[in-house]
Each structure stands twice: as C-alpha cells, then as structure tokens.
C-alpha atoms as a PDB file:
ATOM      1  CA  VAL A   1       0.000   0.000   0.000  1.00  0.00           C
ATOM      2  CA  PHE A   2       2.730   2.460   0.950  1.00  0.00           C
ATOM      3  CA  TYR A   3       6.482   2.670   0.676  1.00  0.00           C
ATOM      4  CA  TYR A   4       8.776   4.884   2.732  1.00  0.00           C
ATOM      5  CA  GLN A   5      12.506   5.326   2.295  1.00  0.00           C
ATOM      6  CA  LYS A   6      13.775   8.643   3.663  1.00  0.00           C
ATOM      7  CA  GLU A   7      10.501  10.101   2.374  1.00  0.00           C
ATOM      8  CA  PRO A   8       7.029   8.715   1.689  1.00  0.00           C
ATOM      9  CA  TYR A   9       6.225   7.345  -1.763  1.00  0.00           C
ATOM     10  CA  LYS A  10       2.600   7.056  -2.759  1.00  0.00           C
ATOM     11  CA  PRO A  11       1.641   3.829  -4.473  1.00  0.00           C
ATOM     12  CA  PRO A  12       1.894   4.181  -8.263  1.00  0.00           C
ATOM     13  CA  SER A  13      -0.846   1.585  -8.791  1.00  0.00           C
ATOM     14  CA  GLY A  14      -3.200  -0.718  -6.917  1.00  0.00           C
ATOM     15  CA  ARG A  15      -6.574  -0.307  -5.302  1.00  0.00           C
ATOM     16  CA  PHE A  16      -5.382   2.376  -2.856  1.00  0.00           C
ATOM     17  CA  LYS A  17      -3.712   4.561  -5.482  1.00  0.00           C
ATOM     18  CA  ASP A  18      -4.657   8.230  -4.892  1.00  0.00           C
ATOM     19  CA  ARG A  19      -6.500   7.272  -1.683  1.00  0.00           C
ATOM     20  CA  VAL A  20      -3.623   6.856   0.765  1.00  0.00           C
ATOM     21  CA  THR A  21      -1.453   9.486   2.453  1.00  0.00           C
ATOM     22  CA  TRP A  22       1.435   9.342   4.893  1.00  0.00           C
ATOM     23  CA  ASP A  23       0.532  10.379   8.448  1.00  0.00           C
ATOM     24  CA  GLY A  24       3.449   8.989  10.424  1.00  0.00           C
ATOM     25  CA  ASN A  25       6.478  10.430  12.173  1.00  0.00           C
ATOM     26  CA  ILE A  26       9.672   8.411  11.757  1.00  0.00           C
ATOM     27  CA  GLU A  27      11.363  10.171  14.690  1.00  0.00           C
ATOM     28  CA  ARG A  28       8.640   8.795  16.979  1.00  0.00           C
ATOM     29  CA  ASN A  29       8.606   5.357  15.326  1.00  0.00           C
ATOM     30  CA  ASP A  30       5.161   6.105  13.937  1.00  0.00           C
ATOM     31  CA  VAL A  31       4.455   4.649  10.497  1.00  0.00           C
ATOM     32  CA  SER A  32       0.774   5.591  10.254  1.00  0.00           C
ATOM     33  CA  ILE A  33      -1.069   6.056   7.003  1.00  0.00           C
ATOM     34  CA  ILE A  34      -4.546   7.322   6.209  1.00  0.00           C
ATOM     35  CA  ILE A  35      -6.740   5.642   3.620  1.00  0.00           C
ATOM     36  CA  TRP A  36      -9.406   7.947   2.194  1.00  0.00           C
ATOM     37  CA  ASN A  37     -12.787   7.254   0.586  1.00  0.00           C
ATOM     38  CA  LEU A  38     -13.150   3.782   2.053  1.00  0.00           C
ATOM     39  CA  GLN A  39     -15.574   1.430   0.334  1.00  0.00           C
ATOM     40  CA  PRO A  40     -17.063  -1.918   1.394  1.00  0.00           C
ATOM     41  CA  SER A  41     -14.686  -3.638  -1.032  1.00  0.00           C
ATOM     42  CA  ASP A  42     -11.804  -2.388   1.176  1.00  0.00           C
ATOM     43  CA  ASN A  43     -12.902  -4.699   4.023  1.00  0.00           C
ATOM     44  CA  GLY A  44     -10.249  -7.137   5.108  1.00  0.00           C
ATOM     45  CA  THR A  45      -7.244  -7.886   7.263  1.00  0.00           C
ATOM     46  CA  PHE A  46      -4.098  -5.943   6.502  1.00  0.00           C
ATOM     47  CA  THR A  47      -0.576  -6.467   7.783  1.00  0.00           C
ATOM     48  CA  CYS A  48       1.938  -3.791   8.616  1.00  0.00           C
ATOM     49  CA  GLN A  49       5.534  -4.776   8.146  1.00  0.00           C
ATOM     50  CA  VAL A  50       8.303  -2.317   8.888  1.00  0.00           C
ATOM     51  CA  THR A  51      11.882  -3.144   8.019  1.00  0.00           C
ATOM     52  CA  ASN A  52      14.414  -0.690   9.292  1.00  0.00           C
ATOM     53  CA  TRP A  53      18.027  -1.533   8.603  1.00  0.00           C
ATOM     54  CA  PRO A  54      19.728  -3.194  10.459  1.00  0.00           C
ATOM     55  CA  ASP A  55      16.634  -4.684  12.222  1.00  0.00           C
ATOM     56  CA  VAL A  56      15.074  -6.303   9.206  1.00  0.00           C
ATOM     57  CA  TYR A  57      13.088  -8.766  11.320  1.00  0.00           C
ATOM     58  CA  GLY A  58      10.429  -6.855  13.241  1.00  0.00           C
ATOM     59  CA  THR A  59       7.029  -7.894  14.365  1.00  0.00           C
ATOM     60  CA  ILE A  60       4.295  -7.795  11.772  1.00  0.00           C
ATOM     61  CA  GLY A  61       1.256  -5.827  12.866  1.00  0.00           C
ATOM     62  CA  GLU A  62      -2.241  -6.759  11.834  1.00  0.00           C
ATOM     63  CA  VAL A  63      -5.203  -4.440  11.293  1.00  0.00           C
ATOM     64  CA  ARG A  64      -8.765  -5.561  10.589  1.00  0.00           C
ATOM     65  CA  LEU A  65     -10.687  -3.032   8.561  1.00  0.00           C
ATOM     66  CA  ARG A  66     -14.473  -3.103   8.460  1.00  0.00           C
ATOM     67  CA  VAL A  67     -16.225  -0.539   6.312  1.00  0.00           C
ATOM     68  CA  VAL A  68     -19.902   0.079   6.985  1.00  0.00           C
ATOM     69  CA  GLN A  69     -22.327   2.210   5.022  1.00  0.00           C
ATOM     70  CA  LYS A  70     -23.105   5.611   6.460  1.00  0.00           C
ATOM     71  CA  VAL A  71     -26.820   6.293   6.853  1.00  0.00           C
ATOM     72  CA  SER A  72     -27.832   9.152   4.635  1.00  0.00           C
ATOM     73  CA  PHE A  73     -29.863  12.068   5.911  1.00  0.00           C
ATOM     74  CA  SER A  74     -32.911  11.054   3.859  1.00  0.00           C
ATOM     75  CA  GLU A  75     -33.001   7.611   5.521  1.00  0.00           C
ATOM     76  CA  ILE A  76     -32.766   9.155   8.990  1.00  0.00           C
ATOM     77  CA  HIS A  77     -35.427  11.708   8.038  1.00  0.00           C
ATOM     78  CA  PHE A  78     -37.741   8.937   6.798  1.00  0.00           C
ATOM     79  CA  LEU A  79     -37.203   6.953  10.011  1.00  0.00           C
ATOM     80  CA  VAL A  80     -37.977   9.981  12.210  1.00  0.00           C
ATOM     81  CA  VAL A  81     -41.132  10.761  10.214  1.00  0.00           C
ATOM     82  CA  ALA A  82     -42.296   7.133  10.376  1.00  0.00           C
ATOM     83  CA  ILE A  83     -41.740   6.844  14.139  1.00  0.00           C
ATOM     84  CA  GLY A  84     -43.239  10.290  14.765  1.00  0.00           C
ATOM     85  CA  SER A  85     -46.326   9.508  12.661  1.00  0.00           C
ATOM     86  CA  ALA A  86     -46.845   6.186  14.438  1.00  0.00           C
ATOM     87  CA  SER A  87     -46.549   7.909  17.820  1.00  0.00           C
ATOM     88  CA  VAL A  88     -49.046  10.626  16.881  1.00  0.00           C
ATOM     89  CA  LEU A  89     -51.466   7.993  15.543  1.00  0.00           C
ATOM     90  CA  MET A  90     -51.215   6.023  18.794  1.00  0.00           C
ATOM     91  CA  ILE A  91     -51.902   9.178  20.843  1.00  0.00           C
ATOM     92  CA  ILE A  92     -54.957   9.951  18.683  1.00  0.00           C
ATOM     93  CA  VAL A  93     -56.321   6.397  19.056  1.00  0.00           C
ATOM     94  CA  VAL A  94     -55.794   6.366  22.841  1.00  0.00           C
ATOM     95  CA  THR A  95     -57.413   9.801  23.171  1.00  0.00           C
ATOM     96  CA  ALA A  96     -60.409   8.699  21.068  1.00  0.00           C
ATOM     97  CA  VAL A  97     -60.877   5.563  23.193  1.00  0.00           C
ATOM     98  CA  ILE A  98     -60.765   7.608  26.424  1.00  0.00           C
ATOM     99  CA  ILE A  99     -63.269  10.142  25.074  1.00  0.00           C
ATOM    100  CA  CYS A 100     -65.651   7.364  23.929  1.00  0.00           C
ATOM    101  CA  ARG A 101     -65.511   5.662  27.331  1.00  0.00           C
ATOM    102  CA  GLN A 102     -66.215   8.932  29.143  1.00  0.00           C
ATOM    103  CA  ARG A 103     -69.199   9.668  26.891  1.00  0.00           C
ATOM    104  CA  ARG A 104     -70.597   6.159  27.433  1.00  0.00           C
ATOM    105  CA  ARG A 105     -70.111   6.498  31.183  1.00  0.00           C
ATOM    106  CA  ARG A 106     -71.899   9.887  31.205  1.00  0.00           C
ATOM    107  CA  ALA A 107     -74.758   8.490  29.104  1.00  0.00           C
ATOM    108  CA  ARG A 108     -75.082   5.476  31.440  1.00  0.00           C
ATOM    109  CA  ASP A 109     -74.953   7.699  34.514  1.00  0.00           C
ATOM    110  CA  LYS A 110     -77.620   9.959  32.970  1.00  0.00           C
ATOM    111  CA  ARG A 111     -79.869   6.955  32.245  1.00  0.00           C
ATOM    112  CA  LEU A 112     -79.433   5.679  35.801  1.00  0.00           C
ATOM    113  CA  GLU A 113     -80.204   9.137  37.152  1.00  0.00           C
ATOM    114  CA  VAL A 114     -83.358   9.368  35.018  1.00  0.00           C
ATOM    115  CA  ALA A 115     -84.386   5.859  36.089  1.00  0.00           C
ATOM    116  CA  ASP A 116     -83.868   6.766  39.745  1.00  0.00           C
ATOM    117  CA  THR A 117     -85.994   9.915  39.467  1.00  0.00           C
ATOM    118  CA  GLU A 118     -88.815   8.077  37.660  1.00  0.00           C
ATOM    119  CA  GLY A 119     -88.821   5.191  40.109  1.00  0.00           C
END
C-alpha cells in the first residue's frame, strides 16, 4: 500500500492509489497512514511490516478493517417521520378511546339518574 525510504512514496498503482497518504512520524517510530474514501470492497485484514536496517526482522502488525455504510440524511429523516407519525397515531387512538368511554359512562350515569328519578 505504501512505501517509505527517507521520504514517503505514494503507491503508483493498486486499489489504494490516490486514496492513501502518509501520516506517520519516523522520529517517533510512527508509520501511520490514512486511507481515504473507504468502500465496502476495502474490508479485510491488513498487515503492517516495517523493516528498518539493520533490524530487518520486526514484528508484523495486523489491522482488521471493516467498512460500513453511512446512513444518509434522507433515511434518517424517513425513520424519524415514520416513528413520529406512528406515535401521533397512537396518541390519537388512545385519546379517542378515552373520550368514547367517558361519553358512554356519562350516558349510562344519565340513564341511571333518570331511572332513579322516575322510580
């Protein structure tokens, strides 16, 4: 992916060409890179091997990269509208049920009151 010898060299070809930049600091033993515009096809396990003369046998690091799709604003907006609409509908239904029960109770109480006064 990347080659460094006294200065960083971008890859001339390959799937990361024009998408990788040097972000390390050799003086601090930091050999970090940044890969831009990641895509699901970039998923995988990558190894990091640094050979620094005279220690040509160093440990090989391993990085697992998992790229996930970012939710777009329109999908979030749709989800909020759907949940909000369902909530409002539930509130309307519950309110209607409560109002109907109260009206029935008042009508029943009124009938009982009329029956009591006639009897």
